[in-house]
Amino acid sequence: MTDMLYAPWREEFILGPKEEGCIFCQPGKRKGVREFILHKSRRAFVVMNRYPYNSGHLMVVPNRHLAQLEELSSAERNELMSLVALSSRVLNETIKPEGLNLGMNLGRAAGAGIAGHLHIHLVPRWVGDTNFMPVLFDTRVVSVDTIKLCRKLKAAFRKSA
């Protein structure tokens, strides 16, 4: 049997009404983004996912509104990957996942919920982290309080950056 990461709670985000404008371009004005920003650098930032697949699901986002990798400057690409490495280190030290999924969905057809502004996902994983709750009861089990984890990760980024 193949393991699946099944997240039906994201349906609200994927199929629900969308705010106008890009939540990544105006995080100070968008509810649910500003308070989850963990770290900012010159060309990019790290933010917790408001609709996580797992506790600690982060995204690394360039400041510029770009949809495709080839639109990034080499400095932006380097900074994104530096922030991915920093984020990986912070997650490993803070919540100790047994693995990480790292990925990008470029374009709506590829599954991008915010197709116009590329971003890199880091999803912490633990052996056996998928369970019966989402499948049988359309209920997710997020084992760590999101706000507490956000505070903990912000502190870890401050120490690690």
N, C-alpha and C. Protein backbone atom coordinates (compact mmCIF):
# COMPACT_ATOMS: atom_id res chain seq x y z
N MET A 1 0.84 -1.18 0.00
CA MET A 1 0.00 0.00 0.00
C MET A 1 0.89 1.25 0.00
N THR A 2 0.50 2.24 -0.74
CA THR A 2 1.22 3.49 -0.82
C THR A 2 0.72 4.44 0.26
N ASP A 3 1.65 5.07 0.99
CA ASP A 3 1.25 6.08 1.97
C ASP A 3 0.76 7.31 1.24
N MET A 4 -0.28 7.93 1.78
CA MET A 4 -0.83 9.15 1.19
C MET A 4 -0.89 10.22 2.26
N LEU A 5 -0.65 11.43 1.85
CA LEU A 5 -0.87 12.56 2.74
C LEU A 5 -2.19 13.17 2.30
N TYR A 6 -3.25 12.88 3.04
CA TYR A 6 -4.60 13.25 2.67
C TYR A 6 -5.04 14.40 3.56
N ALA A 7 -5.48 15.50 2.98
CA ALA A 7 -5.80 16.69 3.76
C ALA A 7 -7.13 17.31 3.30
N PRO A 8 -8.26 16.70 3.62
CA PRO A 8 -9.54 17.21 3.15
C PRO A 8 -9.92 18.57 3.74
N TRP A 9 -9.34 18.96 4.87
CA TRP A 9 -9.65 20.26 5.46
C TRP A 9 -9.19 21.40 4.58
N ARG A 10 -8.29 21.13 3.62
CA ARG A 10 -7.82 22.18 2.72
C ARG A 10 -8.86 22.52 1.66
N GLU A 11 -9.92 21.72 1.56
CA GLU A 11 -10.96 21.97 0.57
C GLU A 11 -11.54 23.37 0.73
N GLU A 12 -11.72 23.82 1.97
CA GLU A 12 -12.24 25.16 2.23
C GLU A 12 -11.36 26.21 1.55
N PHE A 13 -10.05 26.04 1.66
CA PHE A 13 -9.12 26.98 1.03
C PHE A 13 -9.15 26.86 -0.49
N ILE A 14 -9.10 25.63 -0.98
CA ILE A 14 -8.98 25.40 -2.42
C ILE A 14 -10.25 25.80 -3.17
N LEU A 15 -11.41 25.43 -2.64
CA LEU A 15 -12.67 25.67 -3.34
C LEU A 15 -13.43 26.90 -2.86
N GLY A 16 -13.04 27.43 -1.71
CA GLY A 16 -13.76 28.56 -1.13
C GLY A 16 -13.49 29.86 -1.85
N PRO A 17 -14.20 30.92 -1.44
CA PRO A 17 -13.99 32.22 -2.07
C PRO A 17 -12.58 32.72 -1.81
N LYS A 18 -12.04 33.43 -2.76
CA LYS A 18 -10.67 33.94 -2.68
C LYS A 18 -10.69 35.44 -2.45
N GLU A 19 -9.77 35.90 -1.61
CA GLU A 19 -9.58 37.33 -1.45
C GLU A 19 -8.98 37.89 -2.72
N GLU A 20 -9.29 39.12 -3.02
CA GLU A 20 -8.66 39.75 -4.18
C GLU A 20 -7.24 40.13 -3.81
N GLY A 21 -6.37 40.08 -4.80
CA GLY A 21 -4.97 40.40 -4.56
C GLY A 21 -4.23 39.19 -4.04
N CYS A 22 -2.95 39.35 -3.91
CA CYS A 22 -2.07 38.25 -3.49
C CYS A 22 -1.79 38.36 -2.00
N ILE A 23 -2.07 37.31 -1.26
CA ILE A 23 -1.84 37.34 0.19
C ILE A 23 -0.36 37.45 0.52
N PHE A 24 0.51 37.01 -0.38
CA PHE A 24 1.94 37.10 -0.13
C PHE A 24 2.51 38.49 -0.42
N CYS A 25 1.88 39.21 -1.32
CA CYS A 25 2.39 40.54 -1.68
C CYS A 25 2.02 41.60 -0.66
N GLN A 26 0.93 41.41 0.04
CA GLN A 26 0.46 42.40 1.00
C GLN A 26 0.20 41.72 2.34
N PRO A 27 1.20 41.03 2.90
CA PRO A 27 0.93 40.27 4.13
C PRO A 27 0.51 41.15 5.30
N GLY A 28 0.90 42.39 5.33
CA GLY A 28 0.50 43.27 6.42
C GLY A 28 -0.97 43.60 6.41
N LYS A 29 -1.61 43.46 5.25
CA LYS A 29 -3.03 43.79 5.11
C LYS A 29 -3.91 42.55 5.01
N ARG A 30 -3.33 41.38 4.99
CA ARG A 30 -4.10 40.16 4.80
C ARG A 30 -4.24 39.40 6.10
N LYS A 31 -5.46 39.20 6.51
CA LYS A 31 -5.72 38.45 7.74
C LYS A 31 -5.14 37.04 7.59
N GLY A 32 -4.48 36.60 8.63
CA GLY A 32 -3.99 35.23 8.64
C GLY A 32 -2.62 35.03 8.05
N VAL A 33 -1.97 36.07 7.54
CA VAL A 33 -0.63 35.91 7.00
C VAL A 33 0.37 36.62 7.91
N ARG A 34 0.11 37.88 8.21
CA ARG A 34 1.08 38.69 8.95
C ARG A 34 1.52 38.01 10.24
N GLU A 35 0.57 37.51 11.01
CA GLU A 35 0.94 36.93 12.30
C GLU A 35 1.68 35.61 12.18
N PHE A 36 1.68 35.01 11.00
CA PHE A 36 2.38 33.74 10.82
C PHE A 36 3.73 33.89 10.12
N ILE A 37 4.16 35.10 9.85
CA ILE A 37 5.48 35.30 9.27
C ILE A 37 6.51 35.03 10.35
N LEU A 38 7.43 34.10 10.06
CA LEU A 38 8.42 33.67 11.03
C LEU A 38 9.76 34.37 10.86
N HIS A 39 10.10 34.70 9.63
CA HIS A 39 11.42 35.26 9.36
C HIS A 39 11.37 36.03 8.05
N LYS A 40 12.04 37.18 8.02
CA LYS A 40 12.13 37.97 6.80
C LYS A 40 13.60 38.17 6.45
N SER A 41 13.89 38.12 5.18
CA SER A 41 15.22 38.46 4.69
C SER A 41 15.04 39.50 3.58
N ARG A 42 16.10 39.85 2.93
CA ARG A 42 16.05 40.93 1.93
C ARG A 42 15.11 40.61 0.77
N ARG A 43 15.13 39.38 0.28
CA ARG A 43 14.39 39.02 -0.93
C ARG A 43 13.27 38.01 -0.72
N ALA A 44 13.08 37.54 0.51
CA ALA A 44 12.10 36.48 0.74
C ALA A 44 11.72 36.43 2.22
N PHE A 45 10.73 35.60 2.52
CA PHE A 45 10.31 35.41 3.90
C PHE A 45 9.81 33.99 4.11
N VAL A 46 9.72 33.60 5.39
CA VAL A 46 9.23 32.29 5.79
C VAL A 46 7.93 32.50 6.54
N VAL A 47 6.90 31.75 6.18
CA VAL A 47 5.59 31.89 6.81
C VAL A 47 5.02 30.51 7.10
N MET A 48 4.30 30.39 8.22
CA MET A 48 3.58 29.14 8.50
C MET A 48 2.36 29.07 7.59
N ASN A 49 2.02 27.87 7.17
CA ASN A 49 0.84 27.67 6.34
C ASN A 49 -0.41 27.70 7.23
N ARG A 50 -1.35 28.56 6.89
CA ARG A 50 -2.60 28.68 7.66
C ARG A 50 -3.47 27.43 7.50
N TYR A 51 -3.30 26.71 6.41
CA TYR A 51 -4.03 25.47 6.15
C TYR A 51 -3.01 24.33 6.01
N PRO A 52 -2.40 23.92 7.13
CA PRO A 52 -1.26 23.00 7.05
C PRO A 52 -1.66 21.57 6.72
N TYR A 53 -0.74 20.87 6.06
CA TYR A 53 -0.87 19.42 5.90
C TYR A 53 -0.48 18.72 7.19
N ASN A 54 0.46 19.31 7.93
CA ASN A 54 0.95 18.78 9.19
C ASN A 54 1.38 19.95 10.06
N SER A 55 1.51 19.72 11.35
CA SER A 55 2.03 20.74 12.26
C SER A 55 3.40 21.19 11.78
N GLY A 56 3.61 22.50 11.75
CA GLY A 56 4.90 23.03 11.33
C GLY A 56 5.07 23.21 9.84
N HIS A 57 4.01 23.08 9.05
CA HIS A 57 4.06 23.26 7.60
C HIS A 57 4.43 24.72 7.30
N LEU A 58 5.59 24.92 6.70
CA LEU A 58 6.09 26.25 6.38
C LEU A 58 6.13 26.47 4.88
N MET A 59 6.20 27.75 4.50
CA MET A 59 6.41 28.12 3.10
C MET A 59 7.49 29.19 3.04
N VAL A 60 8.36 29.07 2.06
CA VAL A 60 9.38 30.08 1.79
C VAL A 60 8.95 30.81 0.53
N VAL A 61 8.84 32.14 0.63
CA VAL A 61 8.18 32.93 -0.40
C VAL A 61 9.07 34.10 -0.83
N PRO A 62 9.29 34.27 -2.15
CA PRO A 62 10.03 35.47 -2.58
C PRO A 62 9.17 36.71 -2.37
N ASN A 63 9.81 37.84 -2.12
CA ASN A 63 9.06 39.08 -1.95
C ASN A 63 8.38 39.51 -3.24
N ARG A 64 9.07 39.30 -4.37
CA ARG A 64 8.49 39.71 -5.65
C ARG A 64 7.39 38.74 -6.08
N HIS A 65 6.35 39.27 -6.69
CA HIS A 65 5.23 38.48 -7.18
C HIS A 65 5.62 37.86 -8.52
N LEU A 66 6.05 36.59 -8.45
CA LEU A 66 6.49 35.86 -9.64
C LEU A 66 5.83 34.48 -9.64
N ALA A 67 5.46 34.02 -10.81
CA ALA A 67 4.77 32.74 -10.90
C ALA A 67 5.69 31.58 -11.28
N GLN A 68 6.82 31.86 -11.93
CA GLN A 68 7.66 30.80 -12.46
C GLN A 68 9.10 30.91 -11.95
N LEU A 69 9.75 29.78 -11.80
CA LEU A 69 11.13 29.75 -11.32
C LEU A 69 12.07 30.58 -12.20
N GLU A 70 11.88 30.49 -13.49
CA GLU A 70 12.80 31.19 -14.40
C GLU A 70 12.71 32.70 -14.30
N GLU A 71 11.68 33.21 -13.64
CA GLU A 71 11.54 34.64 -13.44
C GLU A 71 12.38 35.16 -12.27
N LEU A 72 12.83 34.26 -11.41
CA LEU A 72 13.63 34.64 -10.26
C LEU A 72 15.05 35.04 -10.70
N SER A 73 15.60 36.03 -10.05
CA SER A 73 17.02 36.34 -10.28
C SER A 73 17.85 35.27 -9.57
N SER A 74 19.12 35.19 -9.92
CA SER A 74 19.97 34.20 -9.25
C SER A 74 20.09 34.53 -7.76
N ALA A 75 20.10 35.80 -7.40
CA ALA A 75 20.15 36.19 -5.99
C ALA A 75 18.89 35.74 -5.26
N GLU A 76 17.74 35.86 -5.90
CA GLU A 76 16.48 35.41 -5.29
C GLU A 76 16.47 33.89 -5.12
N ARG A 77 16.92 33.17 -6.16
CA ARG A 77 16.97 31.70 -6.05
C ARG A 77 17.89 31.27 -4.92
N ASN A 78 19.05 31.90 -4.84
CA ASN A 78 20.00 31.56 -3.77
C ASN A 78 19.41 31.85 -2.39
N GLU A 79 18.74 32.98 -2.25
CA GLU A 79 18.16 33.34 -0.96
C GLU A 79 17.01 32.41 -0.59
N LEU A 80 16.20 32.03 -1.58
CA LEU A 80 15.12 31.07 -1.30
C LEU A 80 15.69 29.76 -0.76
N MET A 81 16.73 29.25 -1.42
CA MET A 81 17.31 27.98 -0.98
C MET A 81 18.01 28.12 0.37
N SER A 82 18.60 29.28 0.64
CA SER A 82 19.19 29.51 1.96
C SER A 82 18.12 29.49 3.03
N LEU A 83 16.96 30.10 2.73
CA LEU A 83 15.86 30.09 3.70
C LEU A 83 15.25 28.70 3.85
N VAL A 84 15.23 27.91 2.77
CA VAL A 84 14.77 26.53 2.88
C VAL A 84 15.69 25.76 3.83
N ALA A 85 17.00 25.94 3.67
CA ALA A 85 17.96 25.25 4.55
C ALA A 85 17.80 25.72 6.00
N LEU A 86 17.65 27.02 6.20
CA LEU A 86 17.44 27.56 7.54
C LEU A 86 16.14 27.01 8.14
N SER A 87 15.09 27.00 7.35
CA SER A 87 13.80 26.49 7.81
C SER A 87 13.90 25.01 8.19
N SER A 88 14.60 24.25 7.38
CA SER A 88 14.80 22.83 7.66
C SER A 88 15.52 22.66 9.00
N ARG A 89 16.58 23.44 9.20
CA ARG A 89 17.33 23.35 10.45
C ARG A 89 16.45 23.72 11.65
N VAL A 90 15.70 24.81 11.51
CA VAL A 90 14.83 25.25 12.62
C VAL A 90 13.78 24.19 12.93
N LEU A 91 13.15 23.64 11.91
CA LEU A 91 12.15 22.58 12.14
C LEU A 91 12.79 21.36 12.81
N ASN A 92 13.94 20.94 12.30
CA ASN A 92 14.60 19.77 12.86
C ASN A 92 14.98 19.97 14.32
N GLU A 93 15.44 21.17 14.66
CA GLU A 93 15.84 21.45 16.04
C GLU A 93 14.63 21.68 16.95
N THR A 94 13.56 22.23 16.41
CA THR A 94 12.43 22.65 17.23
C THR A 94 11.38 21.57 17.42
N ILE A 95 10.92 20.96 16.33
CA ILE A 95 9.84 19.98 16.47
C ILE A 95 10.28 18.55 16.10
N LYS A 96 11.52 18.41 15.66
CA LYS A 96 12.15 17.11 15.44
C LYS A 96 11.35 16.14 14.56
N PRO A 97 11.02 16.57 13.33
CA PRO A 97 10.34 15.62 12.44
C PRO A 97 11.30 14.50 12.03
N GLU A 98 10.73 13.40 11.59
CA GLU A 98 11.55 12.28 11.12
C GLU A 98 11.89 12.42 9.63
N GLY A 99 11.25 13.38 8.99
CA GLY A 99 11.52 13.67 7.58
C GLY A 99 10.82 14.96 7.19
N LEU A 100 11.10 15.42 6.00
CA LEU A 100 10.47 16.64 5.48
C LEU A 100 10.10 16.41 4.03
N ASN A 101 8.90 16.83 3.65
CA ASN A 101 8.56 16.93 2.24
C ASN A 101 8.86 18.35 1.83
N LEU A 102 9.50 18.52 0.70
CA LEU A 102 9.85 19.83 0.16
C LEU A 102 9.29 19.88 -1.26
N GLY A 103 8.56 20.95 -1.59
CA GLY A 103 8.01 20.99 -2.94
C GLY A 103 7.40 22.31 -3.33
N MET A 104 7.14 22.40 -4.64
CA MET A 104 6.51 23.57 -5.23
C MET A 104 5.41 23.10 -6.17
N ASN A 105 4.33 23.86 -6.22
CA ASN A 105 3.26 23.62 -7.18
C ASN A 105 3.23 24.85 -8.08
N LEU A 106 3.75 24.71 -9.27
CA LEU A 106 3.84 25.85 -10.19
C LEU A 106 2.66 25.83 -11.15
N GLY A 107 1.71 26.71 -10.92
CA GLY A 107 0.52 26.80 -11.75
C GLY A 107 -0.67 26.10 -11.12
N ARG A 108 -1.84 26.57 -11.43
CA ARG A 108 -3.07 26.02 -10.87
C ARG A 108 -3.22 24.54 -11.21
N ALA A 109 -2.86 24.14 -12.44
CA ALA A 109 -2.99 22.73 -12.83
C ALA A 109 -2.07 21.82 -12.01
N ALA A 110 -1.01 22.39 -11.47
CA ALA A 110 -0.08 21.61 -10.64
C ALA A 110 -0.50 21.59 -9.17
N GLY A 111 -1.62 22.25 -8.86
CA GLY A 111 -2.11 22.24 -7.49
C GLY A 111 -1.83 23.49 -6.69
N ALA A 112 -1.32 24.53 -7.34
CA ALA A 112 -1.00 25.76 -6.61
C ALA A 112 -2.28 26.46 -6.17
N GLY A 113 -2.42 26.67 -4.88
CA GLY A 113 -3.55 27.41 -4.35
C GLY A 113 -3.39 28.91 -4.58
N ILE A 114 -2.15 29.36 -4.62
CA ILE A 114 -1.82 30.75 -4.93
C ILE A 114 -0.89 30.68 -6.13
N ALA A 115 -1.49 30.57 -7.30
CA ALA A 115 -0.74 30.27 -8.52
C ALA A 115 0.15 31.41 -8.99
N GLY A 116 -0.20 32.63 -8.69
CA GLY A 116 0.56 33.76 -9.23
C GLY A 116 1.82 34.10 -8.47
N HIS A 117 2.01 33.51 -7.28
CA HIS A 117 3.17 33.85 -6.46
C HIS A 117 3.81 32.55 -6.00
N LEU A 118 4.91 32.18 -6.65
CA LEU A 118 5.53 30.90 -6.32
C LEU A 118 5.99 30.87 -4.87
N HIS A 119 6.05 29.69 -4.32
CA HIS A 119 6.50 29.49 -2.94
C HIS A 119 6.90 28.03 -2.78
N ILE A 120 7.78 27.79 -1.82
CA ILE A 120 8.29 26.45 -1.56
C ILE A 120 7.70 25.96 -0.24
N HIS A 121 7.13 24.77 -0.27
CA HIS A 121 6.54 24.16 0.93
C HIS A 121 7.57 23.28 1.64
N LEU A 122 7.59 23.36 2.96
CA LEU A 122 8.32 22.40 3.79
C LEU A 122 7.27 21.79 4.72
N VAL A 123 7.06 20.48 4.60
CA VAL A 123 6.05 19.80 5.39
C VAL A 123 6.75 18.77 6.28
N PRO A 124 6.77 19.01 7.60
CA PRO A 124 7.37 18.03 8.51
C PRO A 124 6.58 16.73 8.47
N ARG A 125 7.31 15.62 8.56
CA ARG A 125 6.66 14.30 8.52
C ARG A 125 7.20 13.42 9.63
N TRP A 126 6.36 12.56 10.12
CA TRP A 126 6.71 11.55 11.12
C TRP A 126 6.19 10.22 10.63
N VAL A 127 6.90 9.16 10.93
CA VAL A 127 6.43 7.83 10.55
C VAL A 127 5.06 7.62 11.18
N GLY A 128 4.09 7.26 10.38
CA GLY A 128 2.74 7.02 10.87
C GLY A 128 1.94 8.29 11.12
N ASP A 129 2.34 9.42 10.52
CA ASP A 129 1.64 10.68 10.81
C ASP A 129 0.28 10.78 10.12
N THR A 130 0.00 9.93 9.19
CA THR A 130 -1.35 9.91 8.63
C THR A 130 -2.16 8.95 9.48
N ASN A 131 -3.38 9.32 9.78
CA ASN A 131 -4.21 8.47 10.63
C ASN A 131 -5.62 8.41 10.07
N PHE A 132 -6.51 7.77 10.78
CA PHE A 132 -7.86 7.52 10.28
C PHE A 132 -8.79 8.72 10.38
N MET A 133 -8.47 9.71 11.20
CA MET A 133 -9.40 10.82 11.44
C MET A 133 -9.80 11.57 10.16
N PRO A 134 -8.85 11.98 9.31
CA PRO A 134 -9.28 12.70 8.10
C PRO A 134 -10.10 11.84 7.15
N VAL A 135 -9.76 10.57 7.11
CA VAL A 135 -10.43 9.67 6.17
C VAL A 135 -11.86 9.36 6.62
N LEU A 136 -12.04 9.02 7.87
CA LEU A 136 -13.35 8.60 8.35
C LEU A 136 -14.24 9.74 8.82
N PHE A 137 -13.65 10.79 9.37
CA PHE A 137 -14.45 11.82 10.00
C PHE A 137 -14.24 13.21 9.42
N ASP A 138 -13.49 13.33 8.32
CA ASP A 138 -13.21 14.63 7.71
C ASP A 138 -12.68 15.60 8.78
N THR A 139 -11.84 15.07 9.67
CA THR A 139 -11.29 15.84 10.78
C THR A 139 -9.78 15.67 10.78
N ARG A 140 -9.09 16.77 10.90
CA ARG A 140 -7.64 16.67 10.96
C ARG A 140 -7.19 16.68 12.41
N VAL A 141 -6.09 16.03 12.66
CA VAL A 141 -5.49 16.04 13.98
C VAL A 141 -4.19 16.82 13.85
N VAL A 142 -4.19 18.03 14.37
CA VAL A 142 -2.98 18.84 14.41
C VAL A 142 -2.53 18.79 15.87
N SER A 143 -1.45 18.08 16.11
CA SER A 143 -1.07 17.74 17.48
C SER A 143 -0.39 18.86 18.24
N VAL A 144 -0.07 19.95 17.56
CA VAL A 144 0.62 21.06 18.20
C VAL A 144 -0.20 22.33 17.97
N ASP A 145 -0.44 23.11 19.04
CA ASP A 145 -1.17 24.36 18.91
C ASP A 145 -0.44 25.29 17.95
N THR A 146 -1.14 25.76 16.91
CA THR A 146 -0.52 26.55 15.85
C THR A 146 0.08 27.85 16.37
N ILE A 147 -0.63 28.56 17.23
CA ILE A 147 -0.13 29.83 17.74
C ILE A 147 1.09 29.61 18.63
N LYS A 148 1.05 28.62 19.51
CA LYS A 148 2.21 28.32 20.35
C LYS A 148 3.40 27.92 19.50
N LEU A 149 3.14 27.08 18.49
CA LEU A 149 4.22 26.65 17.61
C LEU A 149 4.79 27.84 16.84
N CYS A 150 3.92 28.74 16.40
CA CYS A 150 4.38 29.93 15.69
C CYS A 150 5.35 30.73 16.58
N ARG A 151 4.99 30.94 17.82
CA ARG A 151 5.87 31.68 18.74
C ARG A 151 7.20 30.95 18.93
N LYS A 152 7.13 29.65 19.09
CA LYS A 152 8.34 28.84 19.29
C LYS A 152 9.24 28.90 18.06
N LEU A 153 8.65 28.80 16.87
CA LEU A 153 9.44 28.85 15.65
C LEU A 153 10.02 30.24 15.41
N LYS A 154 9.26 31.30 15.71
CA LYS A 154 9.80 32.65 15.58
C LYS A 154 11.04 32.81 16.44
N ALA A 155 10.97 32.34 17.66
CA ALA A 155 12.13 32.42 18.56
C ALA A 155 13.31 31.63 18.01
N ALA A 156 13.03 30.46 17.46
CA ALA A 156 14.10 29.63 16.89
C ALA A 156 14.73 30.29 15.67
N PHE A 157 13.91 30.93 14.83
CA PHE A 157 14.46 31.66 13.68
C PHE A 157 15.34 32.81 14.13
N ARG A 158 14.91 33.54 15.17
CA ARG A 158 15.73 34.66 15.67
C ARG A 158 17.09 34.15 16.14
N LYS A 159 17.12 33.01 16.79
CA LYS A 159 18.38 32.46 17.28
C LYS A 159 19.24 31.89 16.17
N SER A 160 18.60 31.36 15.12
CA SER A 160 19.34 30.64 14.07
C SER A 160 19.77 31.51 12.91
N ALA A 161 19.13 32.63 12.72
CA ALA A 161 19.41 33.46 11.54
C ALA A 161 20.71 34.22 11.67
